[in-house]
PDB file of N, CA and C in Angstrom:
ATOM      1  N   MET A   1       0.836  -1.174   0.000  1.00  0.00           N
ATOM      2  CA  MET A   1       0.000   0.000   0.000  1.00  0.00           C
ATOM      3  C   MET A   1       0.886   1.244   0.000  1.00  0.00           C
ATOM      4  N   PRO A   2       0.646   2.206  -0.893  1.00  0.00           N
ATOM      5  CA  PRO A   2       1.456   3.427  -0.938  1.00  0.00           C
ATOM      6  C   PRO A   2       1.288   4.259   0.339  1.00  0.00           C
ATOM      7  N   ARG A   3       2.355   4.918   0.702  1.00  0.00           N
ATOM      8  CA  ARG A   3       2.314   5.780   1.893  1.00  0.00           C
ATOM      9  C   ARG A   3       2.193   7.235   1.472  1.00  0.00           C
ATOM     10  N   THR A   4       1.392   7.990   2.179  1.00  0.00           N
ATOM     11  CA  THR A   4       1.263   9.424   1.934  1.00  0.00           C
ATOM     12  C   THR A   4       2.504  10.134   2.423  1.00  0.00           C
ATOM     13  N   ARG A   5       3.061  10.997   1.589  1.00  0.00           N
ATOM     14  CA  ARG A   5       4.269  11.751   1.928  1.00  0.00           C
ATOM     15  C   ARG A   5       3.930  12.895   2.874  1.00  0.00           C
ATOM     16  N   PHE A   6       4.654  12.995   3.978  1.00  0.00           N
ATOM     17  CA  PHE A   6       4.498  14.121   4.896  1.00  0.00           C
ATOM     18  C   PHE A   6       5.281  15.300   4.340  1.00  0.00           C
ATOM     19  N   GLU A   7       4.751  16.495   4.459  1.00  0.00           N
ATOM     20  CA  GLU A   7       5.427  17.683   3.944  1.00  0.00           C
ATOM     21  C   GLU A   7       6.258  18.384   5.014  1.00  0.00           C
ATOM     22  N   HIS A   8       5.687  18.655   6.166  1.00  0.00           N
ATOM     23  CA  HIS A   8       6.420  19.286   7.267  1.00  0.00           C
ATOM     24  C   HIS A   8       5.547  19.292   8.506  1.00  0.00           C
ATOM     25  N   ALA A   9       6.123  19.620   9.643  1.00  0.00           N
ATOM     26  CA  ALA A   9       5.393  19.746  10.901  1.00  0.00           C
ATOM     27  C   ALA A   9       5.595  21.157  11.423  1.00  0.00           C
ATOM     28  N   ASP A  10       4.513  21.806  11.771  1.00  0.00           N
ATOM     29  CA  ASP A  10       4.576  23.176  12.277  1.00  0.00           C
ATOM     30  C   ASP A  10       3.845  23.241  13.616  1.00  0.00           C
ATOM     31  N   PRO A  11       4.569  23.465  14.707  1.00  0.00           N
ATOM     32  CA  PRO A  11       3.919  23.483  16.017  1.00  0.00           C
ATOM     33  C   PRO A  11       2.984  24.682  16.166  1.00  0.00           C
ATOM     34  N   ILE A  12       1.983  24.509  17.022  1.00  0.00           N
ATOM     35  CA  ILE A  12       1.074  25.595  17.397  1.00  0.00           C
ATOM     36  C   ILE A  12       1.345  25.900  18.861  1.00  0.00           C
ATOM     37  N   LEU A  13       1.763  27.133  19.147  1.00  0.00           N
ATOM     38  CA  LEU A  13       2.098  27.532  20.508  1.00  0.00           C
ATOM     39  C   LEU A  13       1.020  28.459  21.057  1.00  0.00           C
ATOM     40  N   SER A  14       0.569  28.171  22.261  1.00  0.00           N
ATOM     41  CA  SER A  14      -0.407  29.010  22.936  1.00  0.00           C
ATOM     42  C   SER A  14       0.295  30.243  23.496  1.00  0.00           C
ATOM     43  N   VAL A  15      -0.250  31.423  23.227  1.00  0.00           N
ATOM     44  CA  VAL A  15       0.324  32.667  23.745  1.00  0.00           C
ATOM     45  C   VAL A  15      -0.741  33.432  24.522  1.00  0.00           C
ATOM     46  N   THR A  16      -0.313  34.181  25.529  1.00  0.00           N
ATOM     47  CA  THR A  16      -1.261  34.956  26.334  1.00  0.00           C
ATOM     48  C   THR A  16      -1.419  36.374  25.821  1.00  0.00           C
ATOM     49  N   ASP A  17      -0.410  36.896  25.141  1.00  0.00           N
ATOM     50  CA  ASP A  17      -0.442  38.263  24.618  1.00  0.00           C
ATOM     51  C   ASP A  17       0.112  38.233  23.196  1.00  0.00           C
ATOM     52  N   MET A  18      -0.781  38.207  22.207  1.00  0.00           N
ATOM     53  CA  MET A  18      -0.369  38.066  20.806  1.00  0.00           C
ATOM     54  C   MET A  18       0.570  39.193  20.382  1.00  0.00           C
ATOM     55  N   GLN A  19       0.295  40.406  20.791  1.00  0.00           N
ATOM     56  CA  GLN A  19       1.149  41.527  20.384  1.00  0.00           C
ATOM     57  C   GLN A  19       2.565  41.376  20.932  1.00  0.00           C
ATOM     58  N   ALA A  20       2.701  40.977  22.188  1.00  0.00           N
ATOM     59  CA  ALA A  20       4.031  40.782  22.781  1.00  0.00           C
ATOM     60  C   ALA A  20       4.754  39.625  22.092  1.00  0.00           C
ATOM     61  N   SER A  21       4.031  38.563  21.784  1.00  0.00           N
ATOM     62  CA  SER A  21       4.646  37.420  21.104  1.00  0.00           C
ATOM     63  C   SER A  21       5.085  37.795  19.701  1.00  0.00           C
ATOM     64  N   ARG A  22       4.263  38.545  18.994  1.00  0.00           N
ATOM     65  CA  ARG A  22       4.639  39.020  17.648  1.00  0.00           C
ATOM     66  C   ARG A  22       5.923  39.845  17.712  1.00  0.00           C
ATOM     67  N   ARG A  23       5.960  40.819  18.628  1.00  0.00           N
ATOM     68  CA  ARG A  23       7.138  41.685  18.734  1.00  0.00           C
ATOM     69  C   ARG A  23       8.394  40.859  19.019  1.00  0.00           C
ATOM     70  N   TYR A  24       8.300  39.905  19.939  1.00  0.00           N
ATOM     71  CA  TYR A  24       9.457  39.087  20.295  1.00  0.00           C
ATOM     72  C   TYR A  24       9.899  38.232  19.110  1.00  0.00           C
ATOM     73  N   ASP A  25       8.960  37.557  18.478  1.00  0.00           N
ATOM     74  CA  ASP A  25       9.311  36.680  17.360  1.00  0.00           C
ATOM     75  C   ASP A  25       9.892  37.453  16.182  1.00  0.00           C
ATOM     76  N   ILE A  26       9.376  38.642  15.914  1.00  0.00           N
ATOM     77  CA  ILE A  26       9.850  39.441  14.783  1.00  0.00           C
ATOM     78  C   ILE A  26      11.127  40.204  15.146  1.00  0.00           C
ATOM     79  N   ASP A  27      11.065  41.011  16.203  1.00  0.00           N
ATOM     80  CA  ASP A  27      12.180  41.904  16.538  1.00  0.00           C
ATOM     81  C   ASP A  27      13.374  41.198  17.168  1.00  0.00           C
ATOM     82  N   VAL A  28      13.139  40.135  17.911  1.00  0.00           N
ATOM     83  CA  VAL A  28      14.222  39.459  18.629  1.00  0.00           C
ATOM     84  C   VAL A  28      14.677  38.188  17.914  1.00  0.00           C
ATOM     85  N   LEU A  29      13.703  37.360  17.470  1.00  0.00           N
ATOM     86  CA  LEU A  29      14.063  36.080  16.860  1.00  0.00           C
ATOM     87  C   LEU A  29      14.189  36.132  15.341  1.00  0.00           C
ATOM     88  N   GLY A  30      13.755  37.225  14.705  1.00  0.00           N
ATOM     89  CA  GLY A  30      13.946  37.388  13.266  1.00  0.00           C
ATOM     90  C   GLY A  30      12.928  36.686  12.389  1.00  0.00           C
ATOM     91  N   PHE A  31      11.759  36.349  12.928  1.00  0.00           N
ATOM     92  CA  PHE A  31      10.699  35.730  12.133  1.00  0.00           C
ATOM     93  C   PHE A  31       9.909  36.789  11.378  1.00  0.00           C
ATOM     94  N   THR A  32       9.138  36.366  10.408  1.00  0.00           N
ATOM     95  CA  THR A  32       8.232  37.223   9.640  1.00  0.00           C
ATOM     96  C   THR A  32       6.824  36.677   9.826  1.00  0.00           C
ATOM     97  N   GLU A  33       5.849  37.576   9.958  1.00  0.00           N
ATOM     98  CA  GLU A  33       4.458  37.148  10.144  1.00  0.00           C
ATOM     99  C   GLU A  33       3.746  37.012   8.810  1.00  0.00           C
ATOM    100  N   ALA A  34       2.867  36.025   8.718  1.00  0.00           N
ATOM    101  CA  ALA A  34       2.041  35.833   7.521  1.00  0.00           C
ATOM    102  C   ALA A  34       1.095  37.018   7.344  1.00  0.00           C
ATOM    103  N   ASP A  35       0.807  37.335   6.100  1.00  0.00           N
ATOM    104  CA  ASP A  35      -0.092  38.456   5.784  1.00  0.00           C
ATOM    105  C   ASP A  35      -1.486  38.259   6.360  1.00  0.00           C
ATOM    106  N   TRP A  36      -1.910  37.029   6.506  1.00  0.00           N
ATOM    107  CA  TRP A  36      -3.266  36.740   6.950  1.00  0.00           C
ATOM    108  C   TRP A  36      -3.417  36.676   8.469  1.00  0.00           C
ATOM    109  N   GLY A  37      -2.352  36.909   9.225  1.00  0.00           N
ATOM    110  CA  GLY A  37      -2.386  36.769  10.680  1.00  0.00           C
ATOM    111  C   GLY A  37      -3.435  37.651  11.335  1.00  0.00           C
ATOM    112  N   SER A  38      -3.995  37.161  12.438  1.00  0.00           N
ATOM    113  CA  SER A  38      -4.998  37.923  13.182  1.00  0.00           C
ATOM    114  C   SER A  38      -4.565  38.032  14.640  1.00  0.00           C
ATOM    115  N   ASP A  39      -5.381  38.671  15.452  1.00  0.00           N
ATOM    116  CA  ASP A  39      -5.060  38.793  16.871  1.00  0.00           C
ATOM    117  C   ASP A  39      -5.294  37.496  17.638  1.00  0.00           C
ATOM    118  N   ASP A  40      -5.904  36.495  16.982  1.00  0.00           N
ATOM    119  CA  ASP A  40      -6.158  35.218  17.623  1.00  0.00           C
ATOM    120  C   ASP A  40      -5.240  34.100  17.126  1.00  0.00           C
ATOM    121  N   PHE A  41      -4.806  34.186  15.865  1.00  0.00           N
ATOM    122  CA  PHE A  41      -4.049  33.090  15.267  1.00  0.00           C
ATOM    123  C   PHE A  41      -3.176  33.638  14.141  1.00  0.00           C
ATOM    124  N   THR A  42      -1.911  33.235  14.126  1.00  0.00           N
ATOM    125  CA  THR A  42      -1.016  33.706  13.076  1.00  0.00           C
ATOM    126  C   THR A  42       0.096  32.684  12.832  1.00  0.00           C
ATOM    127  N   LEU A  43       0.841  32.920  11.782  1.00  0.00           N
ATOM    128  CA  LEU A  43       1.969  32.065  11.421  1.00  0.00           C
ATOM    129  C   LEU A  43       3.219  32.919  11.354  1.00  0.00           C
ATOM    130  N   MET A  44       4.272  32.456  12.037  1.00  0.00           N
ATOM    131  CA  MET A  44       5.565  33.121  12.010  1.00  0.00           C
ATOM    132  C   MET A  44       6.534  32.209  11.261  1.00  0.00           C
ATOM    133  N   THR A  45       7.294  32.768  10.318  1.00  0.00           N
ATOM    134  CA  THR A  45       8.239  31.963   9.548  1.00  0.00           C
ATOM    135  C   THR A  45       9.606  32.628   9.527  1.00  0.00           C
ATOM    136  N   ARG A  46      10.608  31.785   9.417  1.00  0.00           N
ATOM    137  CA  ARG A  46      11.976  32.243   9.160  1.00  0.00           C
ATOM    138  C   ARG A  46      12.622  31.164   8.311  1.00  0.00           C
ATOM    139  N   ASP A  47      12.929  31.521   7.078  1.00  0.00           N
ATOM    140  CA  ASP A  47      13.470  30.575   6.119  1.00  0.00           C
ATOM    141  C   ASP A  47      12.533  29.369   6.035  1.00  0.00           C
ATOM    142  N   GLY A  48      12.975  28.161   6.352  1.00  0.00           N
ATOM    143  CA  GLY A  48      12.132  26.977   6.241  1.00  0.00           C
ATOM    144  C   GLY A  48      11.409  26.585   7.521  1.00  0.00           C
ATOM    145  N   ALA A  49      11.518  27.383   8.580  1.00  0.00           N
ATOM    146  CA  ALA A  49      10.882  27.066   9.858  1.00  0.00           C
ATOM    147  C   ALA A  49       9.602  27.871  10.044  1.00  0.00           C
ATOM    148  N   SER A  50       8.573  27.224  10.570  1.00  0.00           N
ATOM    149  CA  SER A  50       7.288  27.882  10.817  1.00  0.00           C
ATOM    150  C   SER A  50       6.767  27.522  12.197  1.00  0.00           C
ATOM    151  N   ILE A  51       6.179  28.521  12.854  1.00  0.00           N
ATOM    152  CA  ILE A  51       5.540  28.332  14.157  1.00  0.00           C
ATOM    153  C   ILE A  51       4.217  29.083  14.118  1.00  0.00           C
ATOM    154  N   TYR A  52       3.143  28.389  14.452  1.00  0.00           N
ATOM    155  CA  TYR A  52       1.850  29.050  14.603  1.00  0.00           C
ATOM    156  C   TYR A  52       1.733  29.580  16.023  1.00  0.00           C
ATOM    157  N   LEU A  53       1.073  30.726  16.171  1.00  0.00           N
ATOM    158  CA  LEU A  53       0.768  31.288  17.478  1.00  0.00           C
ATOM    159  C   LEU A  53      -0.748  31.368  17.620  1.00  0.00           C
ATOM    160  N   SER A  54      -1.260  30.894  18.743  1.00  0.00           N
ATOM    161  CA  SER A  54      -2.695  30.895  19.002  1.00  0.00           C
ATOM    162  C   SER A  54      -2.933  31.535  20.357  1.00  0.00           C
ATOM    163  N   GLN A  55      -3.704  32.609  20.385  1.00  0.00           N
ATOM    164  CA  GLN A  55      -3.936  33.290  21.654  1.00  0.00           C
ATOM    165  C   GLN A  55      -4.976  32.560  22.481  1.00  0.00           C
ATOM    166  N   ARG A  56      -4.515  31.956  23.556  1.00  0.00           N
ATOM    167  CA  ARG A  56      -5.333  31.288  24.572  1.00  0.00           C
ATOM    168  C   ARG A  56      -6.268  30.202  24.045  1.00  0.00           C
ATOM    169  N   ALA A  57      -6.022  29.652  22.859  1.00  0.00           N
ATOM    170  CA  ALA A  57      -6.982  28.699  22.313  1.00  0.00           C
ATOM    171  C   ALA A  57      -6.417  27.298  22.117  1.00  0.00           C
ATOM    172  N   GLN A  58      -5.145  27.161  21.838  1.00  0.00           N
ATOM    173  CA  GLN A  58      -4.576  25.854  21.519  1.00  0.00           C
ATOM    174  C   GLN A  58      -3.226  25.699  22.207  1.00  0.00           C
ATOM    175  N   GLY A  59      -2.947  24.516  22.677  1.00  0.00           N
ATOM    176  CA  GLY A  59      -1.650  24.240  23.280  1.00  0.00           C
ATOM    177  C   GLY A  59      -1.568  24.666  24.728  1.00  0.00           C
ATOM    178  N   LEU A  60      -0.402  24.417  25.305  1.00  0.00           N
ATOM    179  CA  LEU A  60      -0.138  24.729  26.704  1.00  0.00           C
ATOM    180  C   LEU A  60       1.204  25.441  26.825  1.00  0.00           C
ATOM    181  N   PRO A  61       1.371  26.315  27.828  1.00  0.00           N
ATOM    182  CA  PRO A  61       2.674  26.949  28.045  1.00  0.00           C
ATOM    183  C   PRO A  61       3.746  25.899  28.301  1.00  0.00           C
ATOM    184  N   GLY A  62       4.956  26.206  27.910  1.00  0.00           N
ATOM    185  CA  GLY A  62       6.078  25.315  28.175  1.00  0.00           C
ATOM    186  C   GLY A  62       6.317  24.246  27.126  1.00  0.00           C
ATOM    187  N   THR A  63       5.700  24.378  25.957  1.00  0.00           N
ATOM    188  CA  THR A  63       5.918  23.416  24.878  1.00  0.00           C
ATOM    189  C   THR A  63       7.361  23.518  24.383  1.00  0.00           C
ATOM    190  N   TRP A  64       7.959  22.367  24.061  1.00  0.00           N
ATOM    191  CA  TRP A  64       9.306  22.324  23.508  1.00  0.00           C
ATOM    192  C   TRP A  64       9.228  22.114  22.002  1.00  0.00           C
ATOM    193  N   VAL A  65      10.045  22.877  21.257  1.00  0.00           N
ATOM    194  CA  VAL A  65      10.115  22.757  19.797  1.00  0.00           C
ATOM    195  C   VAL A  65      11.586  22.692  19.404  1.00  0.00           C
ATOM    196  N   TRP A  66      11.954  21.728  18.551  1.00  0.00           N
ATOM    197  CA  TRP A  66      13.323  21.638  18.029  1.00  0.00           C
ATOM    198  C   TRP A  66      13.336  22.234  16.636  1.00  0.00           C
ATOM    199  N   ILE A  67      14.267  23.172  16.396  1.00  0.00           N
ATOM    200  CA  ILE A  67      14.378  23.842  15.104  1.00  0.00           C
ATOM    201  C   ILE A  67      15.804  23.677  14.592  1.00  0.00           C
ATOM    202  N   GLY A  68      15.948  23.030  13.442  1.00  0.00           N
ATOM    203  CA  GLY A  68      17.259  22.886  12.829  1.00  0.00           C
ATOM    204  C   GLY A  68      17.676  24.176  12.143  1.00  0.00           C
ATOM    205  N   VAL A  69      18.918  24.588  12.368  1.00  0.00           N
ATOM    206  CA  VAL A  69      19.458  25.816  11.777  1.00  0.00           C
ATOM    207  C   VAL A  69      20.819  25.533  11.142  1.00  0.00           C
ATOM    208  N   GLU A  70      21.280  26.463  10.348  1.00  0.00           N
ATOM    209  CA  GLU A  70      22.572  26.307   9.670  1.00  0.00           C
ATOM    210  C   GLU A  70      23.737  26.287  10.655  1.00  0.00           C
ATOM    211  N   SER A  71      23.726  27.214  11.632  1.00  0.00           N
ATOM    212  CA  SER A  71      24.851  27.329  12.567  1.00  0.00           C
ATOM    213  C   SER A  71      24.370  27.864  13.912  1.00  0.00           C
ATOM    214  N   VAL A  72      24.365  27.014  14.925  1.00  0.00           N
ATOM    215  CA  VAL A  72      23.984  27.468  16.262  1.00  0.00           C
ATOM    216  C   VAL A  72      24.961  28.516  16.797  1.00  0.00           C
ATOM    217  N   PRO A  73      26.300  28.357  16.633  1.00  0.00           N
ATOM    218  CA  PRO A  73      27.189  29.406  17.129  1.00  0.00           C
ATOM    219  C   PRO A  73      26.886  30.789  16.521  1.00  0.00           C
ATOM    220  N   ALA A  74      26.602  30.839  15.237  1.00  0.00           N
ATOM    221  CA  ALA A  74      26.255  32.124  14.600  1.00  0.00           C
ATOM    222  C   ALA A  74      24.919  32.645  15.126  1.00  0.00           C
ATOM    223  N   LEU A  75      23.936  31.759  15.304  1.00  0.00           N
ATOM    224  CA  LEU A  75      22.634  32.174  15.827  1.00  0.00           C
ATOM    225  C   LEU A  75      22.763  32.663  17.262  1.00  0.00           C
ATOM    226  N   TYR A  76      23.624  32.024  18.031  1.00  0.00           N
ATOM    227  CA  TYR A  76      23.882  32.450  19.409  1.00  0.00           C
ATOM    228  C   TYR A  76      24.350  33.906  19.426  1.00  0.00           C
ATOM    229  N   GLU A  77      25.300  34.239  18.569  1.00  0.00           N
ATOM    230  CA  GLU A  77      25.797  35.625  18.498  1.00  0.00           C
ATOM    231  C   GLU A  77      24.687  36.583  18.073  1.00  0.00           C
ATOM    232  N   GLU A  78      23.905  36.185  17.075  1.00  0.00           N
ATOM    233  CA  GLU A  78      22.778  37.017  16.613  1.00  0.00           C
ATOM    234  C   GLU A  78      21.794  37.262  17.753  1.00  0.00           C
ATOM    235  N   TYR A  79      21.436  36.196  18.463  1.00  0.00           N
ATOM    236  CA  TYR A  79      20.442  36.317  19.524  1.00  0.00           C
ATOM    237  C   TYR A  79      20.990  37.005  20.774  1.00  0.00           C
ATOM    238  N   MET A  80      22.291  36.911  21.034  1.00  0.00           N
ATOM    239  CA  MET A  80      22.890  37.690  22.122  1.00  0.00           C
ATOM    240  C   MET A  80      22.710  39.178  21.835  1.00  0.00           C
ATOM    241  N   ALA A  81      22.924  39.570  20.584  1.00  0.00           N
ATOM    242  CA  ALA A  81      22.805  40.973  20.200  1.00  0.00           C
ATOM    243  C   ALA A  81      21.358  41.459  20.200  1.00  0.00           C
ATOM    244  N   SER A  82      20.414  40.576  19.887  1.00  0.00           N
ATOM    245  CA  SER A  82      19.012  41.010  19.784  1.00  0.00           C
ATOM    246  C   SER A  82      18.266  40.943  21.113  1.00  0.00           C
ATOM    247  N   GLY A  83      18.862  40.318  22.129  1.00  0.00           N
ATOM    248  CA  GLY A  83      18.224  40.255  23.443  1.00  0.00           C
ATOM    249  C   GLY A  83      17.304  39.066  23.657  1.00  0.00           C
ATOM    250  N   ALA A  84      17.529  37.975  22.935  1.00  0.00           N
ATOM    251  CA  ALA A  84      16.716  36.765  23.107  1.00  0.00           C
ATOM    252  C   ALA A  84      16.919  36.193  24.511  1.00  0.00           C
ATOM    253  N   LEU A  85      15.929  35.469  24.982  1.00  0.00           N
ATOM    254  CA  LEU A  85      15.980  34.839  26.300  1.00  0.00           C
ATOM    255  C   LEU A  85      16.730  33.508  26.205  1.00  0.00           C
ATOM    256  N   ILE A  86      18.048  33.601  26.031  1.00  0.00           N
ATOM    257  CA  ILE A  86      18.918  32.427  25.848  1.00  0.00           C
ATOM    258  C   ILE A  86      19.164  31.768  27.196  1.00  0.00           C
ATOM    259  N   GLN A  87      19.047  30.455  27.218  1.00  0.00           N
ATOM    260  CA  GLN A  87      19.237  29.682  28.445  1.00  0.00           C
ATOM    261  C   GLN A  87      20.584  28.965  28.405  1.00  0.00           C
ATOM    262  N   GLY A  88      21.672  29.709  28.469  1.00  0.00           N
ATOM    263  CA  GLY A  88      23.005  29.114  28.476  1.00  0.00           C
ATOM    264  C   GLY A  88      23.666  29.147  27.110  1.00  0.00           C
ATOM    265  N   GLU A  89      24.946  28.838  27.103  1.00  0.00           N
ATOM    266  CA  GLU A  89      25.729  28.835  25.864  1.00  0.00           C
ATOM    267  C   GLU A  89      25.417  27.599  25.031  1.00  0.00           C
ATOM    268  N   PRO A  90      25.774  27.622  23.741  1.00  0.00           N
ATOM    269  CA  PRO A  90      25.578  26.428  22.905  1.00  0.00           C
ATOM    270  C   PRO A  90      26.258  25.215  23.527  1.00  0.00           C
ATOM    271  N   ASP A  91      25.621  24.069  23.363  1.00  0.00           N
ATOM    272  CA  ASP A  91      26.074  22.830  23.974  1.00  0.00           C
ATOM    273  C   ASP A  91      26.344  21.790  22.890  1.00  0.00           C
ATOM    274  N   GLN A  92      27.547  21.227  22.893  1.00  0.00           N
ATOM    275  CA  GLN A  92      27.902  20.184  21.924  1.00  0.00           C
ATOM    276  C   GLN A  92      27.319  18.852  22.386  1.00  0.00           C
ATOM    277  N   ARG A  93      26.467  18.261  21.562  1.00  0.00           N
ATOM    278  CA  ARG A  93      25.873  16.951  21.811  1.00  0.00           C
ATOM    279  C   ARG A  93      26.387  15.988  20.747  1.00  0.00           C
ATOM    280  N   PRO A  94      26.231  14.702  20.915  1.00  0.00           N
ATOM    281  CA  PRO A  94      26.681  13.771  19.869  1.00  0.00           C
ATOM    282  C   PRO A  94      25.950  13.972  18.541  1.00  0.00           C
ATOM    283  N   TRP A  95      24.698  14.418  18.585  1.00  0.00           N
ATOM    284  CA  TRP A  95      23.876  14.562  17.374  1.00  0.00           C
ATOM    285  C   TRP A  95      23.849  15.976  16.819  1.00  0.00           C
ATOM    286  N   ALA A  96      24.211  16.990  17.618  1.00  0.00           N
ATOM    287  CA  ALA A  96      24.102  18.385  17.172  1.00  0.00           C
ATOM    288  C   ALA A  96      24.730  19.322  18.183  1.00  0.00           C
ATOM    289  N   ILE A  97      24.983  20.540  17.733  1.00  0.00           N
ATOM    290  CA  ILE A  97      25.265  21.645  18.650  1.00  0.00           C
ATOM    291  C   ILE A  97      23.897  22.271  18.906  1.00  0.00           C
ATOM    292  N   GLU A  98      23.544  22.458  20.174  1.00  0.00           N
ATOM    293  CA  GLU A  98      22.213  22.968  20.498  1.00  0.00           C
ATOM    294  C   GLU A  98      22.282  24.142  21.457  1.00  0.00           C
ATOM    295  N   MET A  99      21.246  24.960  21.401  1.00  0.00           N
ATOM    296  CA  MET A  99      21.041  26.002  22.406  1.00  0.00           C
ATOM    297  C   MET A  99      19.549  26.144  22.636  1.00  0.00           C
ATOM    298  N   ILE A 100      19.212  26.622  23.812  1.00  0.00           N
ATOM    299  CA  ILE A 100      17.817  26.767  24.194  1.00  0.00           C
ATOM    300  C   ILE A 100      17.490  28.240  24.373  1.00  0.00           C
ATOM    301  N   VAL A 101      16.359  28.628  23.778  1.00  0.00           N
ATOM    302  CA  VAL A 101      15.838  29.987  23.883  1.00  0.00           C
ATOM    303  C   VAL A 101      14.393  29.883  24.341  1.00  0.00           C
ATOM    304  N   LYS A 102      14.005  30.707  25.285  1.00  0.00           N
ATOM    305  CA  LYS A 102      12.609  30.738  25.726  1.00  0.00           C
ATOM    306  C   LYS A 102      11.897  31.922  25.084  1.00  0.00           C
ATOM    307  N   ASP A 103      10.559  31.812  25.017  1.00  0.00           N
ATOM    308  CA  ASP A 103       9.759  32.933  24.535  1.00  0.00           C
ATOM    309  C   ASP A 103       8.986  33.513  25.720  1.00  0.00           C
ATOM    310  N   PRO A 104       8.255  34.602  25.525  1.00  0.00           N
ATOM    311  CA  PRO A 104       7.576  35.248  26.657  1.00  0.00           C
ATOM    312  C   PRO A 104       6.565  34.351  27.385  1.00  0.00           C
ATOM    313  N   ASP A 105       6.072  33.294  26.746  1.00  0.00           N
ATOM    314  CA  ASP A 105       5.107  32.398  27.383  1.00  0.00           C
ATOM    315  C   ASP A 105       5.753  31.144  27.964  1.00  0.00           C
ATOM    316  N   GLY A 106       7.079  31.086  27.983  1.00  0.00           N
ATOM    317  CA  GLY A 106       7.777  29.952  28.561  1.00  0.00           C
ATOM    318  C   GLY A 106       7.953  28.762  27.627  1.00  0.00           C
ATOM    319  N   HIS A 107       7.601  28.923  26.354  1.00  0.00           N
ATOM    320  CA  HIS A 107       7.878  27.856  25.392  1.00  0.00           C
ATOM    321  C   HIS A 107       9.382  27.761  25.198  1.00  0.00           C
ATOM    322  N   VAL A 108       9.864  26.567  24.935  1.00  0.00           N
ATOM    323  CA  VAL A 108      11.287  26.328  24.781  1.00  0.00           C
ATOM    324  C   VAL A 108      11.580  26.039  23.315  1.00  0.00           C
ATOM    325  N   LEU A 109      12.384  26.891  22.707  1.00  0.00           N
ATOM    326  CA  LEU A 109      12.828  26.701  21.322  1.00  0.00           C
ATOM    327  C   LEU A 109      14.246  26.160  21.394  1.00  0.00           C
ATOM    328  N   ARG A 110      14.400  24.908  21.010  1.00  0.00           N
ATOM    329  CA  ARG A 110      15.698  24.228  21.072  1.00  0.00           C
ATOM    330  C   ARG A 110      16.267  24.217  19.662  1.00  0.00           C
ATOM    331  N   PHE A 111      17.258  25.069  19.423  1.00  0.00           N
ATOM    332  CA  PHE A 111      17.881  25.206  18.112  1.00  0.00           C
ATOM    333  C   PHE A 111      19.065  24.260  18.012  1.00  0.00           C
ATOM    334  N   GLY A 112      19.223  23.605  16.854  1.00  0.00           N
ATOM    335  CA  GLY A 112      20.321  22.679  16.656  1.00  0.00           C
ATOM    336  C   GLY A 112      20.914  22.777  15.267  1.00  0.00           C
ATOM    337  N   SER A 113      22.230  22.588  15.202  1.00  0.00           N
ATOM    338  CA  SER A 113      22.921  22.509  13.915  1.00  0.00           C
ATOM    339  C   SER A 113      23.868  21.310  13.954  1.00  0.00           C
ATOM    340  N   ASP A 114      24.399  20.931  12.798  1.00  0.00           N
ATOM    341  CA  ASP A 114      25.262  19.752  12.697  1.00  0.00           C
ATOM    342  C   ASP A 114      26.359  19.766  13.761  1.00  0.00           C
ATOM    343  N   ALA A 115      26.596  18.584  14.344  1.00  0.00           N
ATOM    344  CA  ALA A 115      27.668  18.424  15.316  1.00  0.00           C
ATOM    345  C   ALA A 115      29.008  18.590  14.604  1.00  0.00           C
ATOM    346  N   THR A 116      29.952  19.198  15.289  1.00  0.00           N
ATOM    347  CA  THR A 116      31.268  19.425  14.683  1.00  0.00           C
ATOM    348  C   THR A 116      32.316  18.445  15.189  1.00  0.00           C
ATOM    349  N   GLY A 117      31.902  17.457  15.939  1.00  0.00           N
ATOM    350  CA  GLY A 117      32.827  16.428  16.372  1.00  0.00           C
ATOM    351  C   GLY A 117      33.393  16.663  17.695  1.00  0.00           C
TER     352      GLY A 117
END
């Protein structure tokens, strides 16, 4: 039996203040908002990564999301300069270099790039 091809997975994060979440995602994390976004539900994208934001309707605070990036060390420097809520320096793991960033609602964005050995 043929299998249906999955295209991608985009998490939906519950937010308490859509305007504050928009400002943080755009001004601090470098995302862009979809043209169709509303005060209740929107889509934030950066390159190939997408995160939906839902004001008080879907999801729970403290959700963890893993986002693959080109270079965690470079992103660390970018986010240090922009004021992101970084939770420690990049960490070398066997599978990736990772760093953790929180958003205003306590969601955890775990960024990872190829391990350098």
